[in-house]
Amino acid sequence: MKKYDMFYKYLNLILDWNSVINLTSITDKKDIVQKHFIDSLKIFKFEPLLKMRNIIDIGTGAGFPGIPMKIANENINLTLVDSTLKKVNFLKEVTSSLKLDNCVSMHERAENICKDLEFREKYDGVVSRAVGNLSLLSEICLPLVKKGGYFIALKGPSIYDEIKYASLNIDILGGKINCVKEVVIENSEYRHNVLVIEKIKNTPTKYPRKPKLIGKNICFT
């Protein structure tokens, strides 16, 4: 199946399933292409991501950015994680319909799997899009990144405020801000940022903390 056909089929699956479960508030086909597909693919502005093989997408929802990444680069071994079973069932339908090999969908909470030695510090890249604030994301995503790997998040315009608040947590969790790349969607006013955090040391085993503490300043808990 050609990549264009795969995206077209994916688009129609989103629209079909969206009438039954809440996958996205965006229902215009052009907007889905621009604000979901193209925006997800802009994560490759961080070019080292093109060479990564083992990638996990945390809080993927309807499959963003993971599914567009997998369509674009079939060599990725992709794990999709979401805590909503209906969305995971949708992802399984997508991967089956598009015949995506080496693509696993998991119904689980990220704070649980990052404590599991099968997953902890095993991934070249952890990606996430529009799931919570950076302090929370860092605590559930950085434990999954192997040393020398990267956590890459697609974030909105408040990214620098989030970095300021989360920077100490990121350091304690073993990360270091690598870069922030602005994302511009052609022929639209849509703006996003690709935040790249490098894993420079192992995450202490006590992290992540209990759910009620995750995302709070580590030094005050």
N, C-alpha and C. Protein backbone atom coordinates (compact mmCIF):
# COMPACT_ATOMS: atom_id res chain seq x y z
N MET A 1 0.84 -1.19 0.00
CA MET A 1 0.00 0.00 0.00
C MET A 1 0.89 1.25 0.00
N LYS A 2 0.62 2.19 -0.89
CA LYS A 2 1.39 3.42 -0.96
C LYS A 2 1.11 4.29 0.26
N LYS A 3 2.09 5.12 0.61
CA LYS A 3 1.97 5.94 1.81
C LYS A 3 0.76 6.88 1.72
N TYR A 4 0.52 7.45 0.55
CA TYR A 4 -0.64 8.33 0.38
C TYR A 4 -1.92 7.56 0.71
N ASP A 5 -2.02 6.34 0.20
CA ASP A 5 -3.22 5.53 0.44
C ASP A 5 -3.36 5.18 1.92
N MET A 6 -2.22 4.98 2.59
CA MET A 6 -2.26 4.66 4.01
C MET A 6 -2.79 5.84 4.82
N PHE A 7 -2.32 7.03 4.50
CA PHE A 7 -2.82 8.22 5.20
C PHE A 7 -4.30 8.43 4.90
N TYR A 8 -4.71 8.19 3.67
CA TYR A 8 -6.12 8.38 3.30
C TYR A 8 -7.00 7.39 4.06
N LYS A 9 -6.55 6.15 4.17
CA LYS A 9 -7.31 5.14 4.90
C LYS A 9 -7.36 5.47 6.39
N TYR A 10 -6.25 5.93 6.91
CA TYR A 10 -6.17 6.35 8.31
C TYR A 10 -7.15 7.49 8.58
N LEU A 11 -7.19 8.46 7.69
CA LEU A 11 -8.12 9.59 7.81
C LEU A 11 -9.55 9.10 7.90
N ASN A 12 -9.93 8.20 7.02
CA ASN A 12 -11.31 7.70 7.01
C ASN A 12 -11.63 6.87 8.24
N LEU A 13 -10.66 6.13 8.74
CA LEU A 13 -10.88 5.38 9.98
C LEU A 13 -11.12 6.32 11.15
N ILE A 14 -10.36 7.42 11.19
CA ILE A 14 -10.57 8.41 12.25
C ILE A 14 -12.00 8.95 12.20
N LEU A 15 -12.44 9.32 11.01
CA LEU A 15 -13.78 9.89 10.87
C LEU A 15 -14.86 8.87 11.20
N ASP A 16 -14.67 7.63 10.79
CA ASP A 16 -15.66 6.58 11.08
C ASP A 16 -15.76 6.32 12.58
N TRP A 17 -14.62 6.14 13.23
CA TRP A 17 -14.62 5.82 14.66
C TRP A 17 -14.99 7.03 15.51
N ASN A 18 -14.73 8.23 15.00
CA ASN A 18 -15.00 9.43 15.79
C ASN A 18 -16.49 9.64 16.02
N SER A 19 -17.31 8.99 15.22
CA SER A 19 -18.76 9.09 15.41
C SER A 19 -19.22 8.21 16.57
N VAL A 20 -18.33 7.33 17.04
CA VAL A 20 -18.66 6.40 18.12
C VAL A 20 -17.91 6.74 19.40
N ILE A 21 -16.61 7.05 19.27
CA ILE A 21 -15.81 7.44 20.42
C ILE A 21 -15.13 8.77 20.12
N ASN A 22 -14.78 9.50 21.17
CA ASN A 22 -14.18 10.82 21.00
C ASN A 22 -12.68 10.71 20.76
N LEU A 23 -12.30 10.65 19.49
CA LEU A 23 -10.89 10.58 19.12
C LEU A 23 -10.29 11.97 18.97
N THR A 24 -11.03 12.87 18.35
CA THR A 24 -10.54 14.21 18.08
C THR A 24 -11.71 15.17 17.89
N SER A 25 -11.50 16.42 18.32
CA SER A 25 -12.52 17.45 18.09
C SER A 25 -12.39 18.04 16.70
N ILE A 26 -11.31 17.70 16.00
CA ILE A 26 -11.08 18.19 14.65
C ILE A 26 -11.69 17.19 13.67
N THR A 27 -12.67 17.62 12.89
CA THR A 27 -13.38 16.70 12.00
C THR A 27 -13.30 17.09 10.52
N ASP A 28 -12.79 18.27 10.24
CA ASP A 28 -12.61 18.67 8.84
C ASP A 28 -11.39 17.94 8.27
N LYS A 29 -11.53 17.36 7.09
CA LYS A 29 -10.46 16.54 6.53
C LYS A 29 -9.16 17.32 6.35
N LYS A 30 -9.27 18.54 5.85
CA LYS A 30 -8.07 19.36 5.65
C LYS A 30 -7.39 19.65 6.98
N ASP A 31 -8.19 19.93 8.01
CA ASP A 31 -7.63 20.23 9.32
C ASP A 31 -6.97 19.01 9.94
N ILE A 32 -7.56 17.84 9.73
CA ILE A 32 -6.94 16.61 10.24
C ILE A 32 -5.57 16.41 9.59
N VAL A 33 -5.50 16.64 8.30
CA VAL A 33 -4.23 16.49 7.58
C VAL A 33 -3.20 17.47 8.11
N GLN A 34 -3.61 18.74 8.26
CA GLN A 34 -2.66 19.77 8.69
C GLN A 34 -2.31 19.66 10.16
N LYS A 35 -3.34 19.57 11.02
CA LYS A 35 -3.13 19.70 12.46
C LYS A 35 -2.81 18.40 13.16
N HIS A 36 -3.03 17.28 12.47
CA HIS A 36 -2.68 15.99 13.06
C HIS A 36 -1.55 15.31 12.27
N PHE A 37 -1.77 15.08 10.98
CA PHE A 37 -0.78 14.33 10.19
C PHE A 37 0.51 15.12 9.99
N ILE A 38 0.39 16.31 9.42
CA ILE A 38 1.58 17.10 9.12
C ILE A 38 2.27 17.52 10.41
N ASP A 39 1.48 17.95 11.39
CA ASP A 39 2.08 18.35 12.66
C ASP A 39 2.86 17.20 13.30
N SER A 40 2.31 15.99 13.24
CA SER A 40 3.01 14.82 13.78
C SER A 40 4.33 14.58 13.03
N LEU A 41 4.30 14.71 11.72
CA LEU A 41 5.50 14.46 10.92
C LEU A 41 6.58 15.53 11.12
N LYS A 42 6.17 16.71 11.59
CA LYS A 42 7.14 17.77 11.84
C LYS A 42 8.10 17.40 12.97
N ILE A 43 7.78 16.33 13.72
CA ILE A 43 8.68 15.87 14.77
C ILE A 43 10.03 15.46 14.18
N PHE A 44 10.04 15.11 12.88
CA PHE A 44 11.28 14.73 12.22
C PHE A 44 12.18 15.93 11.92
N LYS A 45 11.74 17.12 12.34
CA LYS A 45 12.66 18.27 12.27
C LYS A 45 13.89 18.00 13.13
N PHE A 46 13.71 17.14 14.13
CA PHE A 46 14.86 16.65 14.89
C PHE A 46 15.38 15.43 14.14
N GLU A 47 16.34 15.65 13.26
CA GLU A 47 16.75 14.64 12.29
C GLU A 47 17.28 13.33 12.88
N PRO A 48 17.96 13.34 14.04
CA PRO A 48 18.40 12.06 14.60
C PRO A 48 17.27 11.07 14.83
N LEU A 49 16.04 11.58 14.94
CA LEU A 49 14.89 10.70 15.12
C LEU A 49 14.71 9.75 13.94
N LEU A 50 15.17 10.18 12.76
CA LEU A 50 15.04 9.36 11.56
C LEU A 50 15.83 8.05 11.67
N LYS A 51 16.85 8.04 12.52
CA LYS A 51 17.70 6.85 12.64
C LYS A 51 17.33 5.98 13.84
N MET A 52 16.38 6.43 14.65
CA MET A 52 15.98 5.66 15.82
C MET A 52 15.08 4.51 15.42
N ARG A 53 15.21 3.39 16.12
CA ARG A 53 14.46 2.20 15.76
C ARG A 53 13.37 1.86 16.77
N ASN A 54 13.71 1.90 18.06
CA ASN A 54 12.74 1.53 19.09
C ASN A 54 12.14 2.79 19.70
N ILE A 55 10.86 3.04 19.37
CA ILE A 55 10.20 4.27 19.77
C ILE A 55 8.88 3.93 20.46
N ILE A 56 8.60 4.65 21.53
CA ILE A 56 7.33 4.49 22.24
C ILE A 56 6.61 5.83 22.28
N ASP A 57 5.32 5.81 22.00
CA ASP A 57 4.48 7.01 21.96
C ASP A 57 3.56 6.98 23.18
N ILE A 58 3.75 7.92 24.09
CA ILE A 58 3.01 7.95 25.35
C ILE A 58 1.79 8.86 25.24
N GLY A 59 0.63 8.33 25.65
CA GLY A 59 -0.62 9.09 25.58
C GLY A 59 -1.00 9.39 24.15
N THR A 60 -0.89 8.38 23.30
CA THR A 60 -1.00 8.57 21.85
C THR A 60 -2.40 8.92 21.37
N GLY A 61 -3.43 8.60 22.13
CA GLY A 61 -4.79 8.94 21.72
C GLY A 61 -5.19 8.25 20.43
N ALA A 62 -5.42 9.03 19.39
CA ALA A 62 -5.80 8.48 18.08
C ALA A 62 -4.58 8.09 17.25
N GLY A 63 -3.40 8.10 17.89
CA GLY A 63 -2.20 7.63 17.20
C GLY A 63 -1.22 8.71 16.81
N PHE A 64 -1.27 9.85 17.50
CA PHE A 64 -0.40 10.97 17.15
C PHE A 64 0.66 11.20 18.23
N PRO A 65 1.91 11.31 17.86
CA PRO A 65 2.44 11.34 16.49
C PRO A 65 2.85 9.98 15.92
N GLY A 66 2.66 8.91 16.70
CA GLY A 66 3.24 7.62 16.35
C GLY A 66 2.85 7.03 15.01
N ILE A 67 1.55 7.00 14.70
CA ILE A 67 1.11 6.37 13.45
C ILE A 67 1.65 7.10 12.22
N PRO A 68 1.53 8.44 12.13
CA PRO A 68 2.14 9.12 10.99
C PRO A 68 3.65 8.88 10.89
N MET A 69 4.33 8.81 12.03
CA MET A 69 5.77 8.52 12.01
C MET A 69 6.03 7.13 11.42
N LYS A 70 5.22 6.16 11.82
CA LYS A 70 5.39 4.79 11.35
C LYS A 70 5.10 4.67 9.86
N ILE A 71 4.08 5.38 9.39
CA ILE A 71 3.77 5.37 7.96
C ILE A 71 4.95 5.95 7.17
N ALA A 72 5.51 7.03 7.70
CA ALA A 72 6.61 7.70 7.00
C ALA A 72 7.90 6.88 7.05
N ASN A 73 8.12 6.18 8.15
CA ASN A 73 9.35 5.40 8.33
C ASN A 73 8.98 4.01 8.82
N GLU A 74 8.83 3.08 7.90
CA GLU A 74 8.36 1.73 8.24
C GLU A 74 9.38 0.95 9.07
N ASN A 75 10.62 1.43 9.18
CA ASN A 75 11.65 0.72 9.93
C ASN A 75 11.53 0.89 11.44
N ILE A 76 10.66 1.79 11.88
CA ILE A 76 10.48 2.01 13.31
C ILE A 76 9.80 0.81 13.95
N ASN A 77 10.31 0.40 15.11
CA ASN A 77 9.61 -0.54 15.97
C ASN A 77 8.82 0.31 16.96
N LEU A 78 7.51 0.37 16.77
CA LEU A 78 6.70 1.36 17.47
C LEU A 78 5.78 0.72 18.52
N THR A 79 5.78 1.32 19.72
CA THR A 79 4.83 0.95 20.77
C THR A 79 3.94 2.15 21.04
N LEU A 80 2.64 1.93 20.98
CA LEU A 80 1.65 2.98 21.22
C LEU A 80 0.99 2.72 22.57
N VAL A 81 0.98 3.72 23.44
CA VAL A 81 0.43 3.54 24.79
C VAL A 81 -0.67 4.56 25.06
N ASP A 82 -1.82 4.05 25.52
CA ASP A 82 -2.89 4.95 25.94
C ASP A 82 -3.68 4.28 27.06
N SER A 83 -4.23 5.10 27.96
CA SER A 83 -4.94 4.57 29.12
C SER A 83 -6.43 4.32 28.84
N THR A 84 -6.90 4.70 27.64
CA THR A 84 -8.31 4.52 27.29
C THR A 84 -8.46 3.31 26.37
N LEU A 85 -9.17 2.30 26.81
CA LEU A 85 -9.28 1.04 26.08
C LEU A 85 -9.90 1.23 24.69
N LYS A 86 -10.91 2.07 24.58
CA LYS A 86 -11.56 2.27 23.29
C LYS A 86 -10.59 2.85 22.26
N LYS A 87 -9.72 3.72 22.71
CA LYS A 87 -8.73 4.29 21.80
C LYS A 87 -7.70 3.25 21.40
N VAL A 88 -7.32 2.39 22.33
CA VAL A 88 -6.37 1.31 22.01
C VAL A 88 -7.00 0.35 21.01
N ASN A 89 -8.29 0.06 21.15
CA ASN A 89 -8.97 -0.79 20.17
C ASN A 89 -8.98 -0.15 18.79
N PHE A 90 -9.14 1.17 18.76
CA PHE A 90 -9.05 1.89 17.49
C PHE A 90 -7.66 1.75 16.89
N LEU A 91 -6.64 1.92 17.71
CA LEU A 91 -5.26 1.81 17.22
C LEU A 91 -4.98 0.43 16.65
N LYS A 92 -5.51 -0.61 17.28
CA LYS A 92 -5.33 -1.96 16.78
C LYS A 92 -6.00 -2.14 15.42
N GLU A 93 -7.15 -1.50 15.25
CA GLU A 93 -7.83 -1.55 13.95
C GLU A 93 -7.00 -0.82 12.89
N VAL A 94 -6.43 0.31 13.25
CA VAL A 94 -5.60 1.07 12.30
C VAL A 94 -4.38 0.26 11.88
N THR A 95 -3.65 -0.28 12.85
CA THR A 95 -2.42 -1.02 12.53
C THR A 95 -2.72 -2.26 11.71
N SER A 96 -3.88 -2.88 11.97
CA SER A 96 -4.27 -4.06 11.19
C SER A 96 -4.67 -3.66 9.77
N SER A 97 -5.48 -2.62 9.65
CA SER A 97 -5.96 -2.19 8.33
C SER A 97 -4.84 -1.67 7.44
N LEU A 98 -3.86 -1.01 8.07
CA LEU A 98 -2.74 -0.46 7.30
C LEU A 98 -1.59 -1.45 7.16
N LYS A 99 -1.76 -2.62 7.81
CA LYS A 99 -0.73 -3.67 7.78
C LYS A 99 0.63 -3.15 8.25
N LEU A 100 0.59 -2.49 9.40
CA LEU A 100 1.82 -1.93 9.99
C LEU A 100 2.50 -3.00 10.83
N ASP A 101 3.66 -3.45 10.38
CA ASP A 101 4.43 -4.45 11.12
C ASP A 101 5.20 -3.79 12.27
N ASN A 102 5.53 -4.60 13.26
CA ASN A 102 6.32 -4.11 14.40
C ASN A 102 5.69 -2.87 15.03
N CYS A 103 4.38 -2.96 15.25
CA CYS A 103 3.62 -1.85 15.83
C CYS A 103 2.66 -2.44 16.87
N VAL A 104 2.91 -2.13 18.14
CA VAL A 104 2.15 -2.71 19.24
C VAL A 104 1.35 -1.62 19.95
N SER A 105 0.08 -1.92 20.26
CA SER A 105 -0.78 -0.98 20.98
C SER A 105 -1.03 -1.52 22.38
N MET A 106 -0.78 -0.69 23.39
CA MET A 106 -0.90 -1.12 24.79
C MET A 106 -1.93 -0.28 25.54
N HIS A 107 -2.82 -0.98 26.24
CA HIS A 107 -3.76 -0.30 27.13
C HIS A 107 -3.14 -0.27 28.52
N GLU A 108 -2.52 0.85 28.87
CA GLU A 108 -1.81 0.94 30.14
C GLU A 108 -1.52 2.40 30.45
N ARG A 109 -1.25 2.66 31.71
CA ARG A 109 -0.84 3.99 32.13
C ARG A 109 0.69 4.06 32.10
N ALA A 110 1.22 5.16 31.61
CA ALA A 110 2.67 5.29 31.44
C ALA A 110 3.41 5.15 32.76
N GLU A 111 2.83 5.66 33.86
CA GLU A 111 3.52 5.58 35.14
C GLU A 111 3.67 4.14 35.63
N ASN A 112 2.87 3.24 35.07
CA ASN A 112 3.01 1.83 35.42
C ASN A 112 4.09 1.14 34.59
N ILE A 113 4.08 1.36 33.27
CA ILE A 113 5.04 0.64 32.44
C ILE A 113 6.46 1.12 32.65
N CYS A 114 6.63 2.39 33.05
CA CYS A 114 8.01 2.88 33.21
C CYS A 114 8.66 2.35 34.48
N LYS A 115 7.91 1.61 35.30
CA LYS A 115 8.48 0.92 36.45
C LYS A 115 8.84 -0.52 36.12
N ASP A 116 8.35 -0.98 34.98
CA ASP A 116 8.55 -2.37 34.54
C ASP A 116 9.90 -2.48 33.84
N LEU A 117 10.74 -3.39 34.29
CA LEU A 117 12.07 -3.53 33.71
C LEU A 117 12.05 -3.95 32.24
N GLU A 118 10.93 -4.47 31.78
CA GLU A 118 10.81 -4.82 30.36
C GLU A 118 10.82 -3.57 29.48
N PHE A 119 10.38 -2.46 30.06
CA PHE A 119 10.26 -1.22 29.30
C PHE A 119 11.20 -0.11 29.78
N ARG A 120 11.56 -0.12 31.03
CA ARG A 120 12.33 0.99 31.61
C ARG A 120 13.70 1.12 30.95
N GLU A 121 13.99 2.32 30.47
CA GLU A 121 15.27 2.67 29.84
C GLU A 121 15.63 1.72 28.69
N LYS A 122 14.61 1.40 27.87
CA LYS A 122 14.82 0.48 26.75
C LYS A 122 14.67 1.16 25.38
N TYR A 123 14.23 2.42 25.35
CA TYR A 123 13.85 3.03 24.07
C TYR A 123 14.85 4.09 23.59
N ASP A 124 15.09 4.06 22.29
CA ASP A 124 15.92 5.10 21.66
C ASP A 124 15.22 6.44 21.74
N GLY A 125 13.90 6.41 21.54
CA GLY A 125 13.13 7.63 21.55
C GLY A 125 11.77 7.43 22.21
N VAL A 126 11.38 8.39 23.05
CA VAL A 126 10.03 8.44 23.61
C VAL A 126 9.40 9.72 23.07
N VAL A 127 8.22 9.60 22.47
CA VAL A 127 7.56 10.76 21.89
C VAL A 127 6.21 10.97 22.56
N SER A 128 5.77 12.22 22.57
CA SER A 128 4.47 12.53 23.14
C SER A 128 3.98 13.85 22.56
N ARG A 129 2.67 13.94 22.44
CA ARG A 129 2.07 15.13 21.81
C ARG A 129 0.85 15.58 22.61
N ALA A 130 0.93 16.80 23.15
CA ALA A 130 -0.21 17.44 23.81
C ALA A 130 -0.78 16.59 24.95
N VAL A 131 0.10 16.03 25.78
CA VAL A 131 -0.35 15.23 26.92
C VAL A 131 0.23 15.82 28.20
N GLY A 132 -0.50 16.69 28.86
CA GLY A 132 -0.05 17.20 30.15
C GLY A 132 1.11 18.17 30.08
N ASN A 133 1.46 18.71 31.26
CA ASN A 133 2.56 19.68 31.33
C ASN A 133 3.90 18.96 31.30
N LEU A 134 4.95 19.72 31.06
CA LEU A 134 6.28 19.14 30.86
C LEU A 134 6.82 18.47 32.11
N SER A 135 6.51 18.99 33.28
CA SER A 135 6.97 18.35 34.51
C SER A 135 6.39 16.95 34.63
N LEU A 136 5.11 16.82 34.37
CA LEU A 136 4.46 15.51 34.41
C LEU A 136 5.03 14.59 33.34
N LEU A 137 5.12 15.09 32.13
CA LEU A 137 5.62 14.28 31.01
C LEU A 137 7.03 13.78 31.26
N SER A 138 7.88 14.65 31.78
CA SER A 138 9.26 14.26 32.03
C SER A 138 9.35 13.10 33.00
N GLU A 139 8.50 13.13 34.02
CA GLU A 139 8.58 12.09 35.06
C GLU A 139 8.07 10.74 34.58
N ILE A 140 7.16 10.73 33.60
CA ILE A 140 6.66 9.44 33.11
C ILE A 140 7.33 8.99 31.81
N CYS A 141 8.03 9.91 31.16
CA CYS A 141 8.66 9.56 29.88
C CYS A 141 10.16 9.32 29.99
N LEU A 142 10.88 10.16 30.73
CA LEU A 142 12.34 9.99 30.81
C LEU A 142 12.77 8.64 31.38
N PRO A 143 12.02 8.03 32.32
CA PRO A 143 12.42 6.70 32.78
C PRO A 143 12.40 5.63 31.69
N LEU A 144 11.69 5.88 30.60
CA LEU A 144 11.61 4.91 29.51
C LEU A 144 12.75 5.06 28.50
N VAL A 145 13.42 6.20 28.53
CA VAL A 145 14.48 6.49 27.56
C VAL A 145 15.79 5.88 28.03
N LYS A 146 16.47 5.18 27.14
CA LYS A 146 17.78 4.65 27.50
C LYS A 146 18.81 5.78 27.49
N LYS A 147 19.89 5.58 28.22
CA LYS A 147 20.95 6.58 28.26
C LYS A 147 21.49 6.80 26.85
N GLY A 148 21.56 8.05 26.43
CA GLY A 148 21.98 8.38 25.07
C GLY A 148 20.81 8.54 24.12
N GLY A 149 19.59 8.20 24.60
CA GLY A 149 18.39 8.36 23.79
C GLY A 149 17.75 9.72 24.01
N TYR A 150 16.52 9.88 23.51
CA TYR A 150 15.87 11.19 23.55
C TYR A 150 14.39 11.09 23.88
N PHE A 151 13.91 12.08 24.61
CA PHE A 151 12.48 12.31 24.81
C PHE A 151 12.11 13.51 23.95
N ILE A 152 11.18 13.31 23.02
CA ILE A 152 10.79 14.38 22.09
C ILE A 152 9.30 14.66 22.27
N ALA A 153 8.97 15.90 22.61
CA ALA A 153 7.58 16.27 22.86
C ALA A 153 7.16 17.39 21.92
N LEU A 154 5.97 17.26 21.37
CA LEU A 154 5.36 18.34 20.59
C LEU A 154 4.54 19.19 21.56
N LYS A 155 4.93 20.45 21.71
CA LYS A 155 4.33 21.32 22.71
C LYS A 155 3.87 22.63 22.09
N GLY A 156 3.00 23.33 22.83
CA GLY A 156 2.42 24.58 22.35
C GLY A 156 3.28 25.80 22.63
N PRO A 157 2.68 26.99 22.53
CA PRO A 157 3.44 28.24 22.63
C PRO A 157 3.98 28.55 24.02
N SER A 158 3.48 27.87 25.05
CA SER A 158 3.96 28.14 26.42
C SER A 158 5.18 27.30 26.78
N ILE A 159 5.84 26.74 25.79
CA ILE A 159 6.92 25.80 26.02
C ILE A 159 8.03 26.35 26.92
N TYR A 160 8.41 27.61 26.74
CA TYR A 160 9.53 28.14 27.52
C TYR A 160 9.16 28.35 28.99
N ASP A 161 7.90 28.66 29.26
CA ASP A 161 7.45 28.73 30.65
C ASP A 161 7.46 27.33 31.27
N GLU A 162 7.06 26.33 30.48
CA GLU A 162 7.07 24.95 30.98
C GLU A 162 8.49 24.48 31.27
N ILE A 163 9.41 24.83 30.39
CA ILE A 163 10.81 24.45 30.58
C ILE A 163 11.36 25.06 31.87
N LYS A 164 11.04 26.34 32.10
CA LYS A 164 11.53 27.02 33.30
C LYS A 164 11.05 26.29 34.57
N TYR A 165 9.80 25.88 34.57
CA TYR A 165 9.23 25.22 35.74
C TYR A 165 9.77 23.80 35.90
N ALA A 166 10.00 23.11 34.77
CA ALA A 166 10.34 21.69 34.81
C ALA A 166 11.84 21.42 34.76
N SER A 167 12.67 22.43 34.58
CA SER A 167 14.10 22.20 34.30
C SER A 167 14.82 21.43 35.41
N LEU A 168 14.51 21.73 36.66
CA LEU A 168 15.17 21.02 37.77
C LEU A 168 14.75 19.55 37.79
N ASN A 169 13.46 19.29 37.58
CA ASN A 169 12.98 17.91 37.52
C ASN A 169 13.67 17.14 36.40
N ILE A 170 13.78 17.77 35.25
CA ILE A 170 14.41 17.13 34.09
C ILE A 170 15.84 16.72 34.42
N ASP A 171 16.56 17.60 35.08
CA ASP A 171 17.95 17.32 35.46
C ASP A 171 18.03 16.13 36.43
N ILE A 172 17.19 16.12 37.44
CA ILE A 172 17.20 15.04 38.44
C ILE A 172 16.82 13.71 37.80
N LEU A 173 15.93 13.75 36.81
CA LEU A 173 15.47 12.54 36.14
C LEU A 173 16.46 12.01 35.10
N GLY A 174 17.55 12.74 34.90
CA GLY A 174 18.59 12.27 33.98
C GLY A 174 18.59 12.93 32.62
N GLY A 175 17.80 13.98 32.45
CA GLY A 175 17.67 14.61 31.14
C GLY A 175 18.40 15.94 31.04
N LYS A 176 18.57 16.38 29.79
CA LYS A 176 19.17 17.67 29.50
C LYS A 176 18.50 18.24 28.25
N ILE A 177 18.06 19.50 28.34
CA ILE A 177 17.43 20.12 27.17
C ILE A 177 18.43 20.16 26.02
N ASN A 178 18.06 19.58 24.89
CA ASN A 178 18.93 19.57 23.71
C ASN A 178 18.60 20.75 22.81
N CYS A 179 17.32 20.92 22.47
CA CYS A 179 16.93 22.02 21.59
C CYS A 179 15.41 22.16 21.56
N VAL A 180 14.96 23.29 21.08
CA VAL A 180 13.55 23.53 20.78
C VAL A 180 13.46 24.00 19.34
N LYS A 181 12.68 23.31 18.53
CA LYS A 181 12.53 23.67 17.12
C LYS A 181 11.10 24.09 16.85
N GLU A 182 10.93 25.28 16.29
CA GLU A 182 9.59 25.77 15.99
C GLU A 182 9.00 25.02 14.80
N VAL A 183 7.73 24.69 14.91
CA VAL A 183 7.01 24.01 13.84
C VAL A 183 6.03 24.98 13.20
N VAL A 184 6.12 25.13 11.91
CA VAL A 184 5.18 25.95 11.15
C VAL A 184 4.47 25.05 10.15
N ILE A 185 3.14 25.05 10.20
CA ILE A 185 2.36 24.27 9.24
C ILE A 185 2.06 25.18 8.05
N GLU A 186 2.53 24.78 6.90
CA GLU A 186 2.38 25.59 5.70
C GLU A 186 0.91 25.88 5.40
N ASN A 187 0.65 27.10 4.93
CA ASN A 187 -0.69 27.55 4.56
C ASN A 187 -1.67 27.53 5.74
N SER A 188 -1.15 27.77 6.94
CA SER A 188 -2.01 27.85 8.12
C SER A 188 -1.33 28.75 9.15
N GLU A 189 -2.09 29.13 10.16
CA GLU A 189 -1.54 29.93 11.25
C GLU A 189 -1.13 29.05 12.43
N TYR A 190 -1.17 27.76 12.23
CA TYR A 190 -0.89 26.79 13.29
C TYR A 190 0.59 26.78 13.63
N ARG A 191 0.90 26.87 14.93
CA ARG A 191 2.28 26.88 15.40
C ARG A 191 2.46 25.85 16.51
N HIS A 192 3.61 25.22 16.53
CA HIS A 192 3.92 24.22 17.55
C HIS A 192 5.42 24.25 17.78
N ASN A 193 5.88 23.48 18.74
CA ASN A 193 7.31 23.38 19.01
C ASN A 193 7.71 21.93 19.23
N VAL A 194 8.86 21.56 18.71
CA VAL A 194 9.43 20.24 18.98
C VAL A 194 10.49 20.42 20.05
N LEU A 195 10.22 19.90 21.24
CA LEU A 195 11.15 19.96 22.35
C LEU A 195 11.94 18.66 22.42
N VAL A 196 13.25 18.76 22.47
CA VAL A 196 14.11 17.57 22.51
C VAL A 196 14.90 17.56 23.81
N ILE A 197 14.75 16.48 24.58
CA ILE A 197 15.49 16.29 25.82
C ILE A 197 16.37 15.05 25.68
N GLU A 198 17.65 15.22 25.86
CA GLU A 198 18.58 14.09 25.77
C GLU A 198 18.70 13.42 27.13
N LYS A 199 18.78 12.09 27.12
CA LYS A 199 18.97 11.32 28.37
C LYS A 199 20.48 11.15 28.58
N ILE A 200 21.03 11.86 29.56
CA ILE A 200 22.48 11.83 29.75
C ILE A 200 22.91 10.96 30.93
N LYS A 201 21.95 10.57 31.77
CA LYS A 201 22.27 9.67 32.88
C LYS A 201 21.01 8.89 33.25
N ASN A 202 21.20 7.78 33.94
CA ASN A 202 20.07 6.94 34.30
C ASN A 202 19.14 7.64 35.29
N THR A 203 17.86 7.34 35.16
CA THR A 203 16.86 7.90 36.07
C THR A 203 16.92 7.15 37.40
N PRO A 204 16.99 7.87 38.53
CA PRO A 204 16.96 7.20 39.83
C PRO A 204 15.73 6.29 39.95
N THR A 205 15.92 5.14 40.58
CA THR A 205 14.87 4.11 40.61
C THR A 205 13.60 4.55 41.33
N LYS A 206 13.67 5.57 42.17
CA LYS A 206 12.47 5.99 42.91
C LYS A 206 11.50 6.81 42.06
N TYR A 207 11.90 7.11 40.83
CA TYR A 207 11.01 7.86 39.94
C TYR A 207 10.46 6.95 38.84
N PRO A 208 9.20 7.11 38.46
CA PRO A 208 8.27 8.15 38.90
C PRO A 208 7.73 7.90 40.31
N ARG A 209 7.26 8.98 40.91
CA ARG A 209 6.69 8.91 42.25
C ARG A 209 5.24 8.44 42.19
N LYS A 210 4.55 8.49 43.31
CA LYS A 210 3.14 8.13 43.36
C LYS A 210 2.35 9.09 42.47
N PRO A 211 1.23 8.62 41.88
CA PRO A 211 0.48 9.46 40.93
C PRO A 211 0.15 10.86 41.43
N LYS A 212 -0.18 11.02 42.71
CA LYS A 212 -0.56 12.35 43.22
C LYS A 212 0.63 13.32 43.26
N LEU A 213 1.85 12.79 43.18
CA LEU A 213 3.05 13.64 43.24
C LEU A 213 3.66 13.90 41.87
N ILE A 214 3.35 13.05 40.89
CA ILE A 214 3.95 13.18 39.56
C ILE A 214 3.65 14.55 38.96
N GLY A 215 4.67 15.23 38.49
CA GLY A 215 4.50 16.54 37.88
C GLY A 215 4.80 17.69 38.82
N LYS A 216 4.80 17.41 40.13
CA LYS A 216 5.15 18.46 41.08
C LYS A 216 6.66 18.59 41.17
N ASN A 217 7.11 19.71 41.72
CA ASN A 217 8.55 19.94 41.86
C ASN A 217 9.16 18.88 42.77
N ILE A 218 10.14 18.16 42.25
CA ILE A 218 10.75 17.06 42.99
C ILE A 218 11.37 17.53 44.30
N CYS A 219 11.96 18.72 44.33
CA CYS A 219 12.66 19.19 45.52
C CYS A 219 11.72 19.50 46.68
N PHE A 220 10.44 19.63 46.40
CA PHE A 220 9.48 20.00 47.46
C PHE A 220 8.56 18.85 47.82
N THR A 221 8.93 17.60 47.44
CA THR A 221 8.07 16.46 47.75
C THR A 221 8.88 15.38 48.45
